Amino acid sequence: MPPTLRRPSFVFLDLGNVIVTFDRDLAHRQMAAVAGTSLAAVEAAVADDLQTRLESGVIDWSGYHAEFCRRTGTRPDAALLATAASDMFALNAAMLPVIAGLERARCRIGILSNTCGPHWQHLLGCRYALLPGPFECLVLSHEVGGVKPHPGIYATAAVRAGVPPDSIFFTDDIPAHVTAARAAGWDAEVFESAVGLADALMRRGIPLGL
């Protein structure tokens, strides 16, 4: 099928539930075990904006840990709690041929993710060959001080990619993040599967060789 859409100069991928999957319930159970408290207490402690504040860089892990301790009335080791909160990821193996195809097509790629320091460091510690691997531009919310779907993080990503907004393609599993990318002038699609993403890229003139 010939391309029906403009070929992008840069492709940004979301991290969670695109490149890797995650199980938030598992993390909460592990945090409860480390803290010696109930799952309900952990879920109540993180129910509001605590994780968002961490991902946006408003607080660091020490600030998160202190607030978690205050809310749960516990005092777990900060490093053990970070591991418990982070050991919930698995590589999305279906994405490996898609990323390899982007490399073969000599397409510039990056990651645009709402994440926090402990999660990112844990993923790097897993020593996946593709992290950071071929991703030349890493726009991580806790490092840039903004989270999707706030417009600022898309502007930062475009500047770092060094291309006009309308030449960027982006995929994310959260529709609101895709809507915000489109509002920023990007071409974007909701991620549903690696196969669906491969089709979207092919329609934009990027042959993946799959």
C-alpha atoms as a PDB file:
ATOM      1  CA  MET A   1       0.000   0.000   0.000  1.00  0.00           C
ATOM      2  CA  PRO A   2       1.464   3.407  -0.934  1.00  0.00           C
ATOM      3  CA  PRO A   3       1.860   5.965   1.852  1.00  0.00           C
ATOM      4  CA  THR A   4      -1.171   8.151   2.395  1.00  0.00           C
ATOM      5  CA  LEU A   5       0.349  10.397   5.045  1.00  0.00           C
ATOM      6  CA  ARG A   6       3.519  12.483   5.295  1.00  0.00           C
ATOM      7  CA  ARG A   7       6.674  10.648   6.311  1.00  0.00           C
ATOM      8  CA  PRO A   8       7.862  12.015   9.669  1.00  0.00           C
ATOM      9  CA  SER A   9      11.393  13.221  10.309  1.00  0.00           C
ATOM     10  CA  PHE A  10      11.295  12.008  13.899  1.00  0.00           C
ATOM     11  CA  VAL A  11       9.315   9.351  15.761  1.00  0.00           C
ATOM     12  CA  PHE A  12       8.659   9.582  19.502  1.00  0.00           C
ATOM     13  CA  LEU A  13       7.412   6.513  21.376  1.00  0.00           C
ATOM     14  CA  ASP A  14       5.828   6.445  24.795  1.00  0.00           C
ATOM     15  CA  LEU A  15       7.560   4.121  27.269  1.00  0.00           C
ATOM     16  CA  GLY A  16       4.957   2.538  29.554  1.00  0.00           C
ATOM     17  CA  ASN A  17       2.563   0.121  27.839  1.00  0.00           C
ATOM     18  CA  VAL A  18       4.325   0.731  24.534  1.00  0.00           C
ATOM     19  CA  ILE A  19       8.008  -0.233  24.842  1.00  0.00           C
ATOM     20  CA  VAL A  20       7.497  -1.920  28.200  1.00  0.00           C
ATOM     21  CA  THR A  21       4.408  -3.120  30.041  1.00  0.00           C
ATOM     22  CA  PHE A  22       3.834  -2.608  33.744  1.00  0.00           C
ATOM     23  CA  ASP A  23       1.682  -3.908  36.581  1.00  0.00           C
ATOM     24  CA  ARG A  24       0.854  -1.135  39.056  1.00  0.00           C
ATOM     25  CA  ASP A  25      -1.033  -3.536  41.338  1.00  0.00           C
ATOM     26  CA  LEU A  26       2.093  -5.670  41.656  1.00  0.00           C
ATOM     27  CA  ALA A  27       4.111  -2.619  42.634  1.00  0.00           C
ATOM     28  CA  HIS A  28       1.593  -1.660  45.305  1.00  0.00           C
ATOM     29  CA  ARG A  29       1.614  -5.166  46.766  1.00  0.00           C
ATOM     30  CA  GLN A  30       5.400  -5.145  46.893  1.00  0.00           C
ATOM     31  CA  MET A  31       5.429  -1.704  48.518  1.00  0.00           C
ATOM     32  CA  ALA A  32       2.958  -2.926  51.154  1.00  0.00           C
ATOM     33  CA  ALA A  33       5.199  -5.903  51.930  1.00  0.00           C
ATOM     34  CA  VAL A  34       8.301  -3.723  52.297  1.00  0.00           C
ATOM     35  CA  ALA A  35       6.460  -1.182  54.455  1.00  0.00           C
ATOM     36  CA  GLY A  36       4.751  -3.832  56.571  1.00  0.00           C
ATOM     37  CA  THR A  37       1.323  -2.370  55.933  1.00  0.00           C
ATOM     38  CA  SER A  38      -1.811  -3.211  54.002  1.00  0.00           C
ATOM     39  CA  LEU A  39      -2.383  -2.913  50.288  1.00  0.00           C
ATOM     40  CA  ALA A  40      -5.294  -0.574  51.041  1.00  0.00           C
ATOM     41  CA  ALA A  41      -2.983   1.723  53.010  1.00  0.00           C
ATOM     42  CA  VAL A  42      -0.536   1.916  50.106  1.00  0.00           C
ATOM     43  CA  GLU A  43      -3.281   2.557  47.583  1.00  0.00           C
ATOM     44  CA  ALA A  44      -4.694   5.336  49.758  1.00  0.00           C
ATOM     45  CA  ALA A  45      -1.247   6.882  50.169  1.00  0.00           C
ATOM     46  CA  VAL A  46      -0.584   7.109  46.441  1.00  0.00           C
ATOM     47  CA  ALA A  47      -4.173   7.707  45.334  1.00  0.00           C
ATOM     48  CA  ASP A  48      -3.974  11.424  44.677  1.00  0.00           C
ATOM     49  CA  ASP A  49      -1.172  13.436  43.076  1.00  0.00           C
ATOM     50  CA  LEU A  50       1.858  11.882  44.807  1.00  0.00           C
ATOM     51  CA  GLN A  51       3.048   9.925  41.762  1.00  0.00           C
ATOM     52  CA  THR A  52       2.348  12.865  39.456  1.00  0.00           C
ATOM     53  CA  ARG A  53       4.433  15.146  41.663  1.00  0.00           C
ATOM     54  CA  LEU A  54       7.277  12.640  41.462  1.00  0.00           C
ATOM     55  CA  GLU A  55       6.983  12.241  37.696  1.00  0.00           C
ATOM     56  CA  SER A  56       6.853  15.990  37.137  1.00  0.00           C
ATOM     57  CA  GLY A  57       9.981  16.614  39.182  1.00  0.00           C
ATOM     58  CA  VAL A  58       8.159  18.638  41.849  1.00  0.00           C
ATOM     59  CA  ILE A  59       9.526  16.200  44.425  1.00  0.00           C
ATOM     60  CA  ASP A  60      12.374  13.686  44.248  1.00  0.00           C
ATOM     61  CA  TRP A  61      12.398  10.174  45.678  1.00  0.00           C
ATOM     62  CA  SER A  62      13.389  11.355  49.137  1.00  0.00           C
ATOM     63  CA  GLY A  63      10.377  13.671  49.150  1.00  0.00           C
ATOM     64  CA  TYR A  64       8.126  10.879  47.910  1.00  0.00           C
ATOM     65  CA  HIS A  65       9.476   8.517  50.558  1.00  0.00           C
ATOM     66  CA  ALA A  66       8.918  11.046  53.331  1.00  0.00           C
ATOM     67  CA  GLU A  67       5.332  11.679  52.250  1.00  0.00           C
ATOM     68  CA  PHE A  68       4.655   7.954  51.839  1.00  0.00           C
ATOM     69  CA  CYS A  69       5.912   7.354  55.382  1.00  0.00           C
ATOM     70  CA  ARG A  70       3.754  10.158  56.748  1.00  0.00           C
ATOM     71  CA  ARG A  71       0.618   8.912  55.010  1.00  0.00           C
ATOM     72  CA  THR A  72       1.069   5.261  55.940  1.00  0.00           C
ATOM     73  CA  GLY A  73       2.596   5.694  59.384  1.00  0.00           C
ATOM     74  CA  THR A  74       5.490   3.422  58.383  1.00  0.00           C
ATOM     75  CA  ARG A  75       9.221   3.843  57.908  1.00  0.00           C
ATOM     76  CA  PRO A  76      10.471   1.455  55.187  1.00  0.00           C
ATOM     77  CA  ASP A  77      13.985   1.687  53.826  1.00  0.00           C
ATOM     78  CA  ALA A  78      13.927   4.211  50.974  1.00  0.00           C
ATOM     79  CA  ALA A  79      15.984   2.087  48.581  1.00  0.00           C
ATOM     80  CA  LEU A  80      13.933  -1.049  49.226  1.00  0.00           C
ATOM     81  CA  LEU A  81      10.718   0.897  48.704  1.00  0.00           C
ATOM     82  CA  ALA A  82      12.044   2.269  45.406  1.00  0.00           C
ATOM     83  CA  THR A  83      12.844  -1.242  44.217  1.00  0.00           C
ATOM     84  CA  ALA A  84       9.409  -2.482  45.267  1.00  0.00           C
ATOM     85  CA  ALA A  85       7.749   0.389  43.408  1.00  0.00           C
ATOM     86  CA  SER A  86       9.827  -0.149  40.278  1.00  0.00           C
ATOM     87  CA  ASP A  87      10.076  -3.912  39.834  1.00  0.00           C
ATOM     88  CA  MET A  88       6.857  -4.130  37.834  1.00  0.00           C
ATOM     89  CA  PHE A  89       8.026  -3.826  34.216  1.00  0.00           C
ATOM     90  CA  ALA A  90       8.367  -6.314  31.383  1.00  0.00           C
ATOM     91  CA  LEU A  91       9.721  -5.730  27.913  1.00  0.00           C
ATOM     92  CA  ASN A  92       7.017  -5.586  25.240  1.00  0.00           C
ATOM     93  CA  ALA A  93       8.690  -8.151  22.980  1.00  0.00           C
ATOM     94  CA  ALA A  94       6.240  -7.446  20.151  1.00  0.00           C
ATOM     95  CA  MET A  95       7.822  -4.003  19.789  1.00  0.00           C
ATOM     96  CA  LEU A  96      11.333  -5.307  19.137  1.00  0.00           C
ATOM     97  CA  PRO A  97      10.884  -5.890  15.370  1.00  0.00           C
ATOM     98  CA  VAL A  98       9.142  -2.525  15.021  1.00  0.00           C
ATOM     99  CA  ILE A  99      12.044  -0.692  16.665  1.00  0.00           C
ATOM    100  CA  ALA A 100      14.538  -2.727  14.629  1.00  0.00           C
ATOM    101  CA  GLY A 101      12.589  -1.790  11.505  1.00  0.00           C
ATOM    102  CA  LEU A 102      12.776   1.891  12.392  1.00  0.00           C
ATOM    103  CA  GLU A 103      16.539   1.515  12.751  1.00  0.00           C
ATOM    104  CA  ARG A 104      16.823  -0.188   9.364  1.00  0.00           C
ATOM    105  CA  ALA A 105      14.778   2.614   7.819  1.00  0.00           C
ATOM    106  CA  ARG A 106      17.259   5.094   9.354  1.00  0.00           C
ATOM    107  CA  CYS A 107      14.439   6.836  11.128  1.00  0.00           C
ATOM    108  CA  ARG A 108      15.402   9.042  14.058  1.00  0.00           C
ATOM    109  CA  ILE A 109      13.590   7.909  17.198  1.00  0.00           C
ATOM    110  CA  GLY A 110      13.150   9.017  20.790  1.00  0.00           C
ATOM    111  CA  ILE A 111      11.193   8.345  23.961  1.00  0.00           C
ATOM    112  CA  LEU A 112       8.653  10.768  25.411  1.00  0.00           C
ATOM    113  CA  SER A 113       7.485   9.441  28.765  1.00  0.00           C
ATOM    114  CA  ASN A 114       5.856  10.364  32.038  1.00  0.00           C
ATOM    115  CA  THR A 115       8.190   8.537  34.397  1.00  0.00           C
ATOM    116  CA  CYS A 116      10.239   9.004  37.547  1.00  0.00           C
ATOM    117  CA  GLY A 117      13.853   8.513  38.502  1.00  0.00           C
ATOM    118  CA  PRO A 118      13.481   5.135  40.275  1.00  0.00           C
ATOM    119  CA  HIS A 119      11.462   3.643  37.422  1.00  0.00           C
ATOM    120  CA  TRP A 120      13.890   4.824  34.751  1.00  0.00           C
ATOM    121  CA  GLN A 121      16.946   3.690  36.694  1.00  0.00           C
ATOM    122  CA  HIS A 122      15.339   0.299  37.293  1.00  0.00           C
ATOM    123  CA  LEU A 123      14.696  -0.124  33.578  1.00  0.00           C
ATOM    124  CA  LEU A 124      18.288   0.813  32.753  1.00  0.00           C
ATOM    125  CA  GLY A 125      19.403  -1.711  35.382  1.00  0.00           C
ATOM    126  CA  CYS A 126      17.505  -4.447  33.530  1.00  0.00           C
ATOM    127  CA  ARG A 127      20.099  -3.981  30.763  1.00  0.00           C
ATOM    128  CA  TYR A 128      17.647  -4.226  27.903  1.00  0.00           C
ATOM    129  CA  ALA A 129      19.675  -3.735  24.720  1.00  0.00           C
ATOM    130  CA  LEU A 130      17.203  -1.160  23.415  1.00  0.00           C
ATOM    131  CA  LEU A 131      17.323   1.153  26.470  1.00  0.00           C
ATOM    132  CA  PRO A 132      18.616   3.678  25.759  1.00  0.00           C
ATOM    133  CA  GLY A 133      19.920   1.870  22.661  1.00  0.00           C
ATOM    134  CA  PRO A 134      18.792   3.515  19.417  1.00  0.00           C
ATOM    135  CA  PHE A 135      16.793   6.279  21.098  1.00  0.00           C
ATOM    136  CA  GLU A 136      18.763   9.431  20.476  1.00  0.00           C
ATOM    137  CA  CYS A 137      16.380  11.736  22.322  1.00  0.00           C
ATOM    138  CA  LEU A 138      15.030  10.939  25.796  1.00  0.00           C
ATOM    139  CA  VAL A 139      12.377  13.331  27.079  1.00  0.00           C
ATOM    140  CA  LEU A 140      11.564  12.080  30.572  1.00  0.00           C
ATOM    141  CA  SER A 141       9.021  14.046  32.580  1.00  0.00           C
ATOM    142  CA  HIS A 142      10.910  14.046  35.878  1.00  0.00           C
ATOM    143  CA  GLU A 143      13.990  15.457  34.138  1.00  0.00           C
ATOM    144  CA  VAL A 144      12.269  18.194  32.126  1.00  0.00           C
ATOM    145  CA  GLY A 145       9.843  19.275  34.852  1.00  0.00           C
ATOM    146  CA  GLY A 146       6.592  18.663  32.993  1.00  0.00           C
ATOM    147  CA  VAL A 147       4.171  15.837  32.270  1.00  0.00           C
ATOM    148  CA  LYS A 148       1.946  14.859  29.408  1.00  0.00           C
ATOM    149  CA  PRO A 149      -0.571  16.139  28.431  1.00  0.00           C
ATOM    150  CA  HIS A 150       0.804  19.587  29.407  1.00  0.00           C
ATOM    151  CA  PRO A 151       1.815  21.476  26.218  1.00  0.00           C
ATOM    152  CA  GLY A 152       5.249  22.326  27.584  1.00  0.00           C
ATOM    153  CA  ILE A 153       6.630  18.817  27.400  1.00  0.00           C
ATOM    154  CA  TYR A 154       5.739  18.533  23.709  1.00  0.00           C
ATOM    155  CA  ALA A 155       7.441  21.850  22.993  1.00  0.00           C
ATOM    156  CA  THR A 156      10.547  20.660  24.828  1.00  0.00           C
ATOM    157  CA  ALA A 157      10.540  17.385  22.900  1.00  0.00           C
ATOM    158  CA  ALA A 158      10.270  19.155  19.546  1.00  0.00           C
ATOM    159  CA  VAL A 159      13.192  21.426  20.401  1.00  0.00           C
ATOM    160  CA  ARG A 160      15.316  18.459  21.475  1.00  0.00           C
ATOM    161  CA  ALA A 161      14.436  16.529  18.323  1.00  0.00           C
ATOM    162  CA  GLY A 162      15.466  19.558  16.296  1.00  0.00           C
ATOM    163  CA  VAL A 163      12.639  19.270  13.786  1.00  0.00           C
ATOM    164  CA  PRO A 164       9.381  21.195  13.185  1.00  0.00           C
ATOM    165  CA  PRO A 165       6.392  19.922  15.186  1.00  0.00           C
ATOM    166  CA  ASP A 166       4.505  18.914  12.049  1.00  0.00           C
ATOM    167  CA  SER A 167       7.303  16.501  11.084  1.00  0.00           C
ATOM    168  CA  ILE A 168       7.031  14.476  14.322  1.00  0.00           C
ATOM    169  CA  PHE A 169       5.051  11.266  14.717  1.00  0.00           C
ATOM    170  CA  PHE A 170       4.124  10.089  18.212  1.00  0.00           C
ATOM    171  CA  THR A 171       2.297   7.137  19.715  1.00  0.00           C
ATOM    172  CA  ASP A 172       0.983   6.729  23.267  1.00  0.00           C
ATOM    173  CA  ASP A 173      -1.508   4.360  24.863  1.00  0.00           C
ATOM    174  CA  ILE A 174      -3.372   7.223  26.582  1.00  0.00           C
ATOM    175  CA  PRO A 175      -5.745   9.073  24.221  1.00  0.00           C
ATOM    176  CA  ALA A 176      -5.442  12.392  26.094  1.00  0.00           C
ATOM    177  CA  HIS A 177      -1.693  12.379  25.465  1.00  0.00           C
ATOM    178  CA  VAL A 178      -2.260  11.794  21.765  1.00  0.00           C
ATOM    179  CA  THR A 179      -4.839  14.592  21.630  1.00  0.00           C
ATOM    180  CA  ALA A 180      -2.351  16.977  23.252  1.00  0.00           C
ATOM    181  CA  ALA A 181       0.333  15.971  20.759  1.00  0.00           C
ATOM    182  CA  ARG A 182      -1.996  16.744  17.881  1.00  0.00           C
ATOM    183  CA  ALA A 183      -2.806  20.101  19.475  1.00  0.00           C
ATOM    184  CA  ALA A 184       0.939  20.779  19.471  1.00  0.00           C
ATOM    185  CA  GLY A 185       0.990  20.211  15.720  1.00  0.00           C
ATOM    186  CA  TRP A 186       2.286  16.637  15.783  1.00  0.00           C
ATOM    187  CA  ASP A 187       1.026  13.639  13.851  1.00  0.00           C
ATOM    188  CA  ALA A 188      -0.022  11.129  16.517  1.00  0.00           C
ATOM    189  CA  GLU A 189      -1.908   7.873  16.961  1.00  0.00           C
ATOM    190  CA  VAL A 190      -3.178   5.977  19.993  1.00  0.00           C
ATOM    191  CA  PHE A 191      -1.052   2.864  20.574  1.00  0.00           C
ATOM    192  CA  GLU A 192      -3.093  -0.330  20.608  1.00  0.00           C
ATOM    193  CA  SER A 193      -0.581  -2.923  19.420  1.00  0.00           C
ATOM    194  CA  ALA A 194       2.800  -3.301  17.759  1.00  0.00           C
ATOM    195  CA  VAL A 195       1.033  -4.519  14.625  1.00  0.00           C
ATOM    196  CA  GLY A 196      -1.168  -1.428  14.569  1.00  0.00           C
ATOM    197  CA  LEU A 197       1.852   0.825  15.020  1.00  0.00           C
ATOM    198  CA  ALA A 198       3.703  -0.933  12.202  1.00  0.00           C
ATOM    199  CA  ASP A 199       0.724  -0.315   9.923  1.00  0.00           C
ATOM    200  CA  ALA A 200       0.569   3.361  10.939  1.00  0.00           C
ATOM    201  CA  LEU A 201       4.262   3.778  10.153  1.00  0.00           C
ATOM    202  CA  MET A 202       3.967   2.001   6.818  1.00  0.00           C
ATOM    203  CA  ARG A 203       1.122   4.330   5.837  1.00  0.00           C
ATOM    204  CA  ARG A 204       3.490   7.201   6.579  1.00  0.00           C
ATOM    205  CA  GLY A 205       6.126   5.872   4.203  1.00  0.00           C
ATOM    206  CA  ILE A 206       8.415   4.143   6.703  1.00  0.00           C
ATOM    207  CA  PRO A 207       9.118   0.615   5.446  1.00  0.00           C
ATOM    208  CA  LEU A 208       9.849  -1.636   8.410  1.00  0.00           C
ATOM    209  CA  GLY A 209      10.655  -4.760   6.407  1.00  0.00           C
ATOM    210  CA  LEU A 210       8.321  -6.905   8.495  1.00  0.00           C
END
